[in-house]
């Protein structure tokens, strides 16, 4: 069962990496920013994308399949999506409170 879960996780990471890359073999910060918004619904600033790349790759400004399909990239993107979702939920709750007043 554990092996099956690992295989599914690898497959999911590889599929997202292929979606992010499109037809390219590597992708830079501006392209990654656009693709993350399109593929994962994640809106990042240029600085945030640069920071993400520096956290998951050493000294690279272009990333390829190996980085984009890695567990560390997957974890960082999931963390950022979760943070974004929390901010959106908090903003929505605040607006509801304001409307209720």
PDB file of N, CA and C in Angstrom:
ATOM      1  N   UNK A   1       0.836  -1.188   0.000  1.00  0.00           N
ATOM      2  CA  UNK A   1       0.000   0.000   0.000  1.00  0.00           C
ATOM      3  C   UNK A   1       0.885   1.258   0.000  1.00  0.00           C
ATOM      4  N   UNK A   2       1.957   1.218   0.765  1.00  0.00           N
ATOM      5  CA  UNK A   2       2.860   2.361   0.829  1.00  0.00           C
ATOM      6  C   UNK A   2       3.548   2.588  -0.519  1.00  0.00           C
ATOM      7  N   UNK A   3       3.951   1.508  -1.166  1.00  0.00           N
ATOM      8  CA  UNK A   3       4.580   1.620  -2.484  1.00  0.00           C
ATOM      9  C   UNK A   3       3.622   2.240  -3.505  1.00  0.00           C
ATOM     10  N   UNK A   4       2.347   1.857  -3.431  1.00  0.00           N
ATOM     11  CA  UNK A   4       1.345   2.394  -4.343  1.00  0.00           C
ATOM     12  C   UNK A   4       1.171   3.895  -4.116  1.00  0.00           C
ATOM     13  N   UNK A   5       1.145   4.322  -2.867  1.00  0.00           N
ATOM     14  CA  UNK A   5       1.031   5.748  -2.546  1.00  0.00           C
ATOM     15  C   UNK A   5       2.237   6.527  -3.068  1.00  0.00           C
ATOM     16  N   UNK A   6       3.417   5.958  -2.893  1.00  0.00           N
ATOM     17  CA  UNK A   6       4.627   6.614  -3.401  1.00  0.00           C
ATOM     18  C   UNK A   6       4.590   6.741  -4.915  1.00  0.00           C
ATOM     19  N   UNK A   7       4.169   5.677  -5.580  1.00  0.00           N
ATOM     20  CA  UNK A   7       4.088   5.697  -7.044  1.00  0.00           C
ATOM     21  C   UNK A   7       3.072   6.737  -7.520  1.00  0.00           C
ATOM     22  N   UNK A   8       1.942   6.853  -6.819  1.00  0.00           N
ATOM     23  CA  UNK A   8       0.936   7.856  -7.174  1.00  0.00           C
ATOM     24  C   UNK A   8       1.486   9.266  -6.980  1.00  0.00           C
ATOM     25  N   UNK A   9       2.233   9.472  -5.888  1.00  0.00           N
ATOM     26  CA  UNK A   9       2.812  10.791  -5.619  1.00  0.00           C
ATOM     27  C   UNK A   9       3.814  11.164  -6.701  1.00  0.00           C
ATOM     28  N   UNK A  10       4.658  10.234  -7.088  1.00  0.00           N
ATOM     29  CA  UNK A  10       5.646  10.486  -8.146  1.00  0.00           C
ATOM     30  C   UNK A  10       4.925  10.805  -9.451  1.00  0.00           C
ATOM     31  N   UNK A  11       3.918  10.043  -9.766  1.00  0.00           N
ATOM     32  CA  UNK A  11       3.158  10.251 -10.997  1.00  0.00           C
ATOM     33  C   UNK A  11       2.492  11.629 -11.001  1.00  0.00           C
ATOM     34  N   UNK A  12       1.920  12.022  -9.877  1.00  0.00           N
ATOM     35  CA  UNK A  12       1.260  13.322  -9.764  1.00  0.00           C
ATOM     36  C   UNK A  12       2.270  14.463  -9.936  1.00  0.00           C
ATOM     37  N   UNK A  13       3.440  14.311  -9.299  1.00  0.00           N
ATOM     38  CA  UNK A  13       4.487  15.339  -9.426  1.00  0.00           C
ATOM     39  C   UNK A  13       4.983  15.444 -10.865  1.00  0.00           C
ATOM     40  N   UNK A  14       5.181  14.300 -11.518  1.00  0.00           N
ATOM     41  CA  UNK A  14       5.654  14.303 -12.906  1.00  0.00           C
ATOM     42  C   UNK A  14       4.624  14.920 -13.841  1.00  0.00           C
ATOM     43  N   UNK A  15       3.348  14.627 -13.589  1.00  0.00           N
ATOM     44  CA  UNK A  15       2.287  15.184 -14.429  1.00  0.00           C
ATOM     45  C   UNK A  15       2.239  16.708 -14.292  1.00  0.00           C
ATOM     46  N   UNK A  16       2.322  17.205 -13.051  1.00  0.00           N
ATOM     47  CA  UNK A  16       2.314  18.657 -12.854  1.00  0.00           C
ATOM     48  C   UNK A  16       3.569  19.286 -13.485  1.00  0.00           C
ATOM     49  N   UNK A  17       4.714  18.639 -13.360  1.00  0.00           N
ATOM     50  CA  UNK A  17       5.949  19.155 -13.952  1.00  0.00           C
ATOM     51  C   UNK A  17       5.805  19.275 -15.465  1.00  0.00           C
ATOM     52  N   UNK A  18       5.229  18.276 -16.093  1.00  0.00           N
ATOM     53  CA  UNK A  18       5.019  18.322 -17.543  1.00  0.00           C
ATOM     54  C   UNK A  18       4.071  19.454 -17.927  1.00  0.00           C
ATOM     55  N   UNK A  19       3.032  19.667 -17.119  1.00  0.00           N
ATOM     56  CA  UNK A  19       2.105  20.767 -17.382  1.00  0.00           C
ATOM     57  C   UNK A  19       2.811  22.114 -17.242  1.00  0.00           C
ATOM     58  N   UNK A  20       3.654  22.238 -16.237  1.00  0.00           N
ATOM     59  CA  UNK A  20       4.385  23.480 -16.029  1.00  0.00           C
ATOM     60  C   UNK A  20       5.365  23.749 -17.165  1.00  0.00           C
ATOM     61  N   UNK A  21       6.042  22.720 -17.621  1.00  0.00           N
ATOM     62  CA  UNK A  21       7.037  22.875 -18.686  1.00  0.00           C
ATOM     63  C   UNK A  21       6.428  23.121 -20.054  1.00  0.00           C
ATOM     64  N   UNK A  22       5.277  22.525 -20.306  1.00  0.00           N
ATOM     65  CA  UNK A  22       4.713  22.594 -21.648  1.00  0.00           C
ATOM     66  C   UNK A  22       5.634  21.865 -22.607  1.00  0.00           C
ATOM     67  N   UNK A  23       6.006  22.519 -23.684  1.00  0.00           N
ATOM     68  CA  UNK A  23       6.890  21.874 -24.665  1.00  0.00           C
ATOM     69  C   UNK A  23       8.368  22.192 -24.414  1.00  0.00           C
ATOM     70  N   UNK A  24       8.650  22.996 -23.395  1.00  0.00           N
ATOM     71  CA  UNK A  24      10.035  23.377 -23.105  1.00  0.00           C
ATOM     72  C   UNK A  24      10.745  22.314 -22.274  1.00  0.00           C
ATOM     73  N   UNK A  25      12.062  22.331 -22.310  1.00  0.00           N
ATOM     74  CA  UNK A  25      12.818  21.405 -21.459  1.00  0.00           C
ATOM     75  C   UNK A  25      13.195  22.061 -20.139  1.00  0.00           C
ATOM     76  N   UNK A  26      13.267  23.402 -20.134  1.00  0.00           N
ATOM     77  CA  UNK A  26      13.480  24.160 -18.899  1.00  0.00           C
ATOM     78  C   UNK A  26      12.579  25.384 -18.926  1.00  0.00           C
ATOM     79  N   UNK A  27      12.399  25.974 -17.746  1.00  0.00           N
ATOM     80  CA  UNK A  27      11.509  27.123 -17.622  1.00  0.00           C
ATOM     81  C   UNK A  27      12.135  28.121 -16.655  1.00  0.00           C
ATOM     82  N   UNK A  28      12.042  29.400 -17.008  1.00  0.00           N
ATOM     83  CA  UNK A  28      12.591  30.454 -16.167  1.00  0.00           C
ATOM     84  C   UNK A  28      11.537  31.043 -15.245  1.00  0.00           C
ATOM     85  N   UNK A  29      11.927  32.016 -14.439  1.00  0.00           N
ATOM     86  CA  UNK A  29      11.017  32.581 -13.436  1.00  0.00           C
ATOM     87  C   UNK A  29       9.715  33.162 -13.997  1.00  0.00           C
ATOM     88  N   UNK A  30       9.791  33.950 -15.062  1.00  0.00           N
ATOM     89  CA  UNK A  30       8.559  34.568 -15.570  1.00  0.00           C
ATOM     90  C   UNK A  30       7.609  33.533 -16.153  1.00  0.00           C
ATOM     91  N   UNK A  31       8.155  32.542 -16.861  1.00  0.00           N
ATOM     92  CA  UNK A  31       7.318  31.487 -17.404  1.00  0.00           C
ATOM     93  C   UNK A  31       6.748  30.616 -16.281  1.00  0.00           C
ATOM     94  N   UNK A  32       7.573  30.339 -15.282  1.00  0.00           N
ATOM     95  CA  UNK A  32       7.106  29.523 -14.157  1.00  0.00           C
ATOM     96  C   UNK A  32       5.982  30.235 -13.425  1.00  0.00           C
ATOM     97  N   UNK A  33       6.123  31.537 -13.251  1.00  0.00           N
ATOM     98  CA  UNK A  33       5.083  32.319 -12.574  1.00  0.00           C
ATOM     99  C   UNK A  33       3.747  32.189 -13.309  1.00  0.00           C
ATOM    100  N   UNK A  34       3.776  32.349 -14.619  1.00  0.00           N
ATOM    101  CA  UNK A  34       2.555  32.243 -15.424  1.00  0.00           C
ATOM    102  C   UNK A  34       1.986  30.829 -15.385  1.00  0.00           C
ATOM    103  N   UNK A  35       2.859  29.830 -15.476  1.00  0.00           N
ATOM    104  CA  UNK A  35       2.399  28.448 -15.488  1.00  0.00           C
ATOM    105  C   UNK A  35       1.845  28.004 -14.125  1.00  0.00           C
ATOM    106  N   UNK A  36       2.445  28.488 -13.039  1.00  0.00           N
ATOM    107  CA  UNK A  36       1.920  28.150 -11.707  1.00  0.00           C
ATOM    108  C   UNK A  36       0.515  28.707 -11.529  1.00  0.00           C
ATOM    109  N   UNK A  37       0.282  29.890 -12.053  1.00  0.00           N
ATOM    110  CA  UNK A  37      -1.067  30.470 -11.978  1.00  0.00           C
ATOM    111  C   UNK A  37      -2.046  29.625 -12.792  1.00  0.00           C
ATOM    112  N   UNK A  38      -1.621  29.237 -13.975  1.00  0.00           N
ATOM    113  CA  UNK A  38      -2.481  28.462 -14.876  1.00  0.00           C
ATOM    114  C   UNK A  38      -2.725  27.043 -14.361  1.00  0.00           C
ATOM    115  N   UNK A  39      -1.671  26.362 -13.928  1.00  0.00           N
ATOM    116  CA  UNK A  39      -1.749  24.945 -13.565  1.00  0.00           C
ATOM    117  C   UNK A  39      -2.223  24.726 -12.127  1.00  0.00           C
ATOM    118  N   UNK A  40      -1.716  25.543 -11.196  1.00  0.00           N
ATOM    119  CA  UNK A  40      -2.015  25.320  -9.778  1.00  0.00           C
ATOM    120  C   UNK A  40      -2.895  26.409  -9.167  1.00  0.00           C
ATOM    121  N   UNK A  41      -3.233  27.432  -9.947  1.00  0.00           N
ATOM    122  CA  UNK A  41      -4.028  28.527  -9.408  1.00  0.00           C
ATOM    123  C   UNK A  41      -3.269  29.358  -8.392  1.00  0.00           C
ATOM    124  N   UNK A  42      -1.950  29.319  -8.479  1.00  0.00           N
ATOM    125  CA  UNK A  42      -1.089  29.979  -7.511  1.00  0.00           C
ATOM    126  C   UNK A  42      -0.572  31.289  -8.087  1.00  0.00           C
ATOM    127  N   UNK A  43      -0.903  32.395  -7.419  1.00  0.00           N
ATOM    128  CA  UNK A  43      -0.437  33.708  -7.867  1.00  0.00           C
ATOM    129  C   UNK A  43       0.723  34.143  -6.985  1.00  0.00           C
ATOM    130  N   UNK A  44       1.892  34.241  -7.604  1.00  0.00           N
ATOM    131  CA  UNK A  44       3.104  34.647  -6.893  1.00  0.00           C
ATOM    132  C   UNK A  44       3.683  35.895  -7.532  1.00  0.00           C
ATOM    133  N   UNK A  45       4.356  36.695  -6.722  1.00  0.00           N
ATOM    134  CA  UNK A  45       5.087  37.843  -7.264  1.00  0.00           C
ATOM    135  C   UNK A  45       6.357  37.324  -7.928  1.00  0.00           C
ATOM    136  N   UNK A  46       7.001  38.182  -8.685  1.00  0.00           N
ATOM    137  CA  UNK A  46       8.266  37.807  -9.324  1.00  0.00           C
ATOM    138  C   UNK A  46       9.299  37.415  -8.272  1.00  0.00           C
ATOM    139  N   UNK A  47       9.340  38.179  -7.166  1.00  0.00           N
ATOM    140  CA  UNK A  47      10.283  37.862  -6.085  1.00  0.00           C
ATOM    141  C   UNK A  47       9.981  36.512  -5.441  1.00  0.00           C
ATOM    142  N   UNK A  48       8.705  36.209  -5.269  1.00  0.00           N
ATOM    143  CA  UNK A  48       8.329  34.926  -4.664  1.00  0.00           C
ATOM    144  C   UNK A  48       8.729  33.754  -5.556  1.00  0.00           C
ATOM    145  N   UNK A  49       8.588  33.919  -6.863  1.00  0.00           N
ATOM    146  CA  UNK A  49       8.994  32.862  -7.792  1.00  0.00           C
ATOM    147  C   UNK A  49      10.506  32.680  -7.753  1.00  0.00           C
ATOM    148  N   UNK A  50      11.235  33.783  -7.729  1.00  0.00           N
ATOM    149  CA  UNK A  50      12.694  33.709  -7.635  1.00  0.00           C
ATOM    150  C   UNK A  50      13.113  33.003  -6.352  1.00  0.00           C
ATOM    151  N   UNK A  51      12.438  33.318  -5.245  1.00  0.00           N
ATOM    152  CA  UNK A  51      12.736  32.664  -3.972  1.00  0.00           C
ATOM    153  C   UNK A  51      12.408  31.172  -4.040  1.00  0.00           C
ATOM    154  N   UNK A  52      11.284  30.830  -4.635  1.00  0.00           N
ATOM    155  CA  UNK A  52      10.904  29.419  -4.783  1.00  0.00           C
ATOM    156  C   UNK A  52      11.976  28.667  -5.565  1.00  0.00           C
ATOM    157  N   UNK A  53      12.417  29.223  -6.677  1.00  0.00           N
ATOM    158  CA  UNK A  53      13.441  28.565  -7.485  1.00  0.00           C
ATOM    159  C   UNK A  53      14.724  28.395  -6.683  1.00  0.00           C
ATOM    160  N   UNK A  54      15.110  29.421  -5.932  1.00  0.00           N
ATOM    161  CA  UNK A  54      16.352  29.313  -5.152  1.00  0.00           C
ATOM    162  C   UNK A  54      16.240  28.291  -4.030  1.00  0.00           C
ATOM    163  N   UNK A  55      15.032  28.058  -3.528  1.00  0.00           N
ATOM    164  CA  UNK A  55      14.838  27.075  -2.461  1.00  0.00           C
ATOM    165  C   UNK A  55      14.888  25.637  -2.968  1.00  0.00           C
ATOM    166  N   UNK A  56      14.559  25.439  -4.230  1.00  0.00           N
ATOM    167  CA  UNK A  56      14.477  24.071  -4.739  1.00  0.00           C
ATOM    168  C   UNK A  56      15.603  23.695  -5.694  1.00  0.00           C
ATOM    169  N   UNK A  57      16.399  24.671  -6.105  1.00  0.00           N
ATOM    170  CA  UNK A  57      17.518  24.370  -6.998  1.00  0.00           C
ATOM    171  C   UNK A  57      18.723  25.193  -6.569  1.00  0.00           C
ATOM    172  N   UNK A  58      19.880  24.694  -6.849  1.00  0.00           N
ATOM    173  CA  UNK A  58      21.104  25.361  -6.418  1.00  0.00           C
ATOM    174  C   UNK A  58      21.705  26.116  -7.594  1.00  0.00           C
ATOM    175  N   UNK A  59      21.694  27.444  -7.482  1.00  0.00           N
ATOM    176  CA  UNK A  59      22.353  28.283  -8.476  1.00  0.00           C
ATOM    177  C   UNK A  59      21.774  28.235  -9.867  1.00  0.00           C
ATOM    178  N   UNK A  60      20.518  27.868  -9.998  1.00  0.00           N
ATOM    179  CA  UNK A  60      19.906  27.810 -11.319  1.00  0.00           C
ATOM    180  C   UNK A  60      18.849  28.896 -11.440  1.00  0.00           C
ATOM    181  N   UNK A  61      18.716  29.487 -12.619  1.00  0.00           N
ATOM    182  CA  UNK A  61      17.603  30.401 -12.842  1.00  0.00           C
ATOM    183  C   UNK A  61      16.586  29.779 -13.802  1.00  0.00           C
ATOM    184  N   UNK A  62      16.956  28.654 -14.377  1.00  0.00           N
ATOM    185  CA  UNK A  62      16.047  27.854 -15.203  1.00  0.00           C
ATOM    186  C   UNK A  62      15.899  26.506 -14.521  1.00  0.00           C
ATOM    187  N   UNK A  63      14.685  25.992 -14.463  1.00  0.00           N
ATOM    188  CA  UNK A  63      14.475  24.676 -13.852  1.00  0.00           C
ATOM    189  C   UNK A  63      13.826  23.745 -14.868  1.00  0.00           C
ATOM    190  N   UNK A  64      14.146  22.470 -14.717  1.00  0.00           N
ATOM    191  CA  UNK A  64      13.625  21.466 -15.627  1.00  0.00           C
ATOM    192  C   UNK A  64      12.820  20.409 -14.902  1.00  0.00           C
ATOM    193  N   UNK A  65      12.600  19.328 -15.595  1.00  0.00           N
ATOM    194  CA  UNK A  65      11.770  18.233 -15.084  1.00  0.00           C
ATOM    195  C   UNK A  65      12.276  17.724 -13.739  1.00  0.00           C
ATOM    196  N   UNK A  66      13.601  17.601 -13.592  1.00  0.00           N
ATOM    197  CA  UNK A  66      14.143  17.043 -12.351  1.00  0.00           C
ATOM    198  C   UNK A  66      13.746  17.867 -11.141  1.00  0.00           C
ATOM    199  N   UNK A  67      13.783  19.193 -11.260  1.00  0.00           N
ATOM    200  CA  UNK A  67      13.403  20.062 -10.139  1.00  0.00           C
ATOM    201  C   UNK A  67      11.885  20.126  -9.991  1.00  0.00           C
ATOM    202  N   UNK A  68      11.192  20.327 -11.092  1.00  0.00           N
ATOM    203  CA  UNK A  68       9.738  20.502 -11.039  1.00  0.00           C
ATOM    204  C   UNK A  68       9.001  19.249 -10.589  1.00  0.00           C
ATOM    205  N   UNK A  69       9.596  18.082 -10.784  1.00  0.00           N
ATOM    206  CA  UNK A  69       8.968  16.826 -10.360  1.00  0.00           C
ATOM    207  C   UNK A  69       9.480  16.358  -8.999  1.00  0.00           C
ATOM    208  N   UNK A  70      10.328  17.176  -8.361  1.00  0.00           N
ATOM    209  CA  UNK A  70      10.912  16.759  -7.082  1.00  0.00           C
ATOM    210  C   UNK A  70       9.925  16.907  -5.931  1.00  0.00           C
ATOM    211  N   UNK A  71      10.160  16.124  -4.891  1.00  0.00           N
ATOM    212  CA  UNK A  71       9.312  16.177  -3.698  1.00  0.00           C
ATOM    213  C   UNK A  71       9.424  17.541  -3.021  1.00  0.00           C
ATOM    214  N   UNK A  72      10.608  18.136  -3.032  1.00  0.00           N
ATOM    215  CA  UNK A  72      10.774  19.436  -2.373  1.00  0.00           C
ATOM    216  C   UNK A  72       9.998  20.537  -3.104  1.00  0.00           C
ATOM    217  N   UNK A  73      10.024  20.538  -4.426  1.00  0.00           N
ATOM    218  CA  UNK A  73       9.247  21.523  -5.183  1.00  0.00           C
ATOM    219  C   UNK A  73       7.762  21.320  -4.916  1.00  0.00           C
ATOM    220  N   UNK A  74       7.328  20.082  -4.933  1.00  0.00           N
ATOM    221  CA  UNK A  74       5.927  19.743  -4.679  1.00  0.00           C
ATOM    222  C   UNK A  74       5.495  20.253  -3.301  1.00  0.00           C
ATOM    223  N   UNK A  75       6.320  20.024  -2.301  1.00  0.00           N
ATOM    224  CA  UNK A  75       5.996  20.454  -0.940  1.00  0.00           C
ATOM    225  C   UNK A  75       5.934  21.975  -0.849  1.00  0.00           C
ATOM    226  N   UNK A  76       6.875  22.658  -1.496  1.00  0.00           N
ATOM    227  CA  UNK A  76       6.886  24.125  -1.470  1.00  0.00           C
ATOM    228  C   UNK A  76       5.651  24.696  -2.159  1.00  0.00           C
ATOM    229  N   UNK A  77       5.287  24.144  -3.311  1.00  0.00           N
ATOM    230  CA  UNK A  77       4.104  24.630  -4.029  1.00  0.00           C
ATOM    231  C   UNK A  77       2.850  24.360  -3.203  1.00  0.00           C
ATOM    232  N   UNK A  78       2.742  23.164  -2.626  1.00  0.00           N
ATOM    233  CA  UNK A  78       1.579  22.853  -1.786  1.00  0.00           C
ATOM    234  C   UNK A  78       1.488  23.808  -0.598  1.00  0.00           C
ATOM    235  N   UNK A  79       2.630  24.140   0.000  1.00  0.00           N
ATOM    236  CA  UNK A  79       2.657  25.072   1.127  1.00  0.00           C
ATOM    237  C   UNK A  79       2.185  26.453   0.680  1.00  0.00           C
ATOM    238  N   UNK A  80       2.666  26.909  -0.458  1.00  0.00           N
ATOM    239  CA  UNK A  80       2.287  28.225  -0.970  1.00  0.00           C
ATOM    240  C   UNK A  80       0.804  28.284  -1.347  1.00  0.00           C
ATOM    241  N   UNK A  81       0.283  27.217  -1.932  1.00  0.00           N
ATOM    242  CA  UNK A  81      -1.143  27.153  -2.267  1.00  0.00           C
ATOM    243  C   UNK A  81      -1.976  27.210  -0.992  1.00  0.00           C
ATOM    244  N   UNK A  82      -1.554  26.463   0.024  1.00  0.00           N
ATOM    245  CA  UNK A  82      -2.264  26.460   1.301  1.00  0.00           C
ATOM    246  C   UNK A  82      -2.257  27.850   1.935  1.00  0.00           C
ATOM    247  N   UNK A  83      -1.110  28.521   1.908  1.00  0.00           N
ATOM    248  CA  UNK A  83      -1.011  29.880   2.450  1.00  0.00           C
ATOM    249  C   UNK A  83      -1.919  30.841   1.682  1.00  0.00           C
ATOM    250  N   UNK A  84      -1.924  30.711   0.364  1.00  0.00           N
ATOM    251  CA  UNK A  84      -2.781  31.567  -0.461  1.00  0.00           C
ATOM    252  C   UNK A  84      -4.247  31.321  -0.129  1.00  0.00           C
ATOM    253  N   UNK A  85      -4.633  30.050  -0.007  1.00  0.00           N
ATOM    254  CA  UNK A  85      -6.018  29.714   0.318  1.00  0.00           C
ATOM    255  C   UNK A  85      -6.417  30.271   1.678  1.00  0.00           C
ATOM    256  N   UNK A  86      -5.511  30.223   2.641  1.00  0.00           N
ATOM    257  CA  UNK A  86      -5.783  30.769   3.974  1.00  0.00           C
ATOM    258  C   UNK A  86      -5.991  32.274   3.915  1.00  0.00           C
ATOM    259  N   UNK A  87      -5.151  32.959   3.140  1.00  0.00           N
ATOM    260  CA  UNK A  87      -5.304  34.415   2.996  1.00  0.00           C
ATOM    261  C   UNK A  87      -6.637  34.764   2.341  1.00  0.00           C
ATOM    262  N   UNK A  88      -7.004  34.019   1.323  1.00  0.00           N
ATOM    263  CA  UNK A  88      -8.269  34.278   0.627  1.00  0.00           C
ATOM    264  C   UNK A  88      -9.440  34.039   1.571  1.00  0.00           C
ATOM    265  N   UNK A  89      -9.392  32.964   2.343  1.00  0.00           N
ATOM    266  CA  UNK A  89     -10.457  32.661   3.302  1.00  0.00           C
ATOM    267  C   UNK A  89     -10.567  33.739   4.374  1.00  0.00           C
ATOM    268  N   UNK A  90      -9.419  34.203   4.866  1.00  0.00           N
ATOM    269  CA  UNK A  90      -9.414  35.250   5.890  1.00  0.00           C
ATOM    270  C   UNK A  90      -9.979  36.554   5.323  1.00  0.00           C
ATOM    271  N   UNK A  91      -9.598  36.900   4.104  1.00  0.00           N
ATOM    272  CA  UNK A  91     -10.124  38.106   3.465  1.00  0.00           C
ATOM    273  C   UNK A  91     -11.632  38.011   3.281  1.00  0.00           C
ATOM    274  N   UNK A  92     -12.094  36.844   2.874  1.00  0.00           N
ATOM    275  CA  UNK A  92     -13.523  36.635   2.669  1.00  0.00           C
ATOM    276  C   UNK A  92     -14.279  36.754   3.991  1.00  0.00           C
ATOM    277  N   UNK A  93     -13.756  36.154   5.040  1.00  0.00           N
ATOM    278  CA  UNK A  93     -14.397  36.227   6.359  1.00  0.00           C
ATOM    279  C   UNK A  93     -14.446  37.667   6.852  1.00  0.00           C
ATOM    280  N   UNK A  94     -13.368  38.413   6.625  1.00  0.00           N
ATOM    281  CA  UNK A  94     -13.333  39.826   7.029  1.00  0.00           C
ATOM    282  C   UNK A  94     -14.389  40.631   6.280  1.00  0.00           C
ATOM    283  N   UNK A  95     -14.530  40.384   5.001  1.00  0.00           N
ATOM    284  CA  UNK A  95     -15.549  41.099   4.211  1.00  0.00           C
ATOM    285  C   UNK A  95     -16.950  40.756   4.693  1.00  0.00           C
ATOM    286  N   UNK A  96     -17.168  39.498   5.038  1.00  0.00           N
ATOM    287  CA  UNK A  96     -18.483  39.099   5.554  1.00  0.00           C
ATOM    288  C   UNK A  96     -18.786  39.819   6.853  1.00  0.00           C
ATOM    289  N   UNK A  97     -17.773  39.916   7.738  1.00  0.00           N
ATOM    290  CA  UNK A  97     -17.966  40.630   9.010  1.00  0.00           C
ATOM    291  C   UNK A  97     -18.284  42.101   8.761  1.00  0.00           C
ATOM    292  N   UNK A  98     -17.574  42.704   7.807  1.00  0.00           N
ATOM    293  CA  UNK A  98     -17.815  44.104   7.495  1.00  0.00           C
ATOM    294  C   UNK A  98     -19.223  44.325   6.954  1.00  0.00           C
ATOM    295  N   UNK A  99     -19.689  43.412   6.131  1.00  0.00           N
ATOM    296  CA  UNK A  99     -21.040  43.535   5.579  1.00  0.00           C
ATOM    297  C   UNK A  99     -22.118  43.316   6.631  1.00  0.00           C
ATOM    298  N   UNK A 100     -21.806  42.495   7.630  1.00  0.00           N
ATOM    299  CA  UNK A 100     -22.774  42.204   8.678  1.00  0.00           C
ATOM    300  C   UNK A 100     -22.928  43.375   9.650  1.00  0.00           C
ATOM    301  N   UNK A 101     -21.972  44.278   9.672  1.00  0.00           N
ATOM    302  CA  UNK A 101     -22.027  45.412  10.620  1.00  0.00           C
ATOM    303  C   UNK A 101     -22.958  46.492  10.161  1.00  0.00           C
TER     304      UNK A 101
END
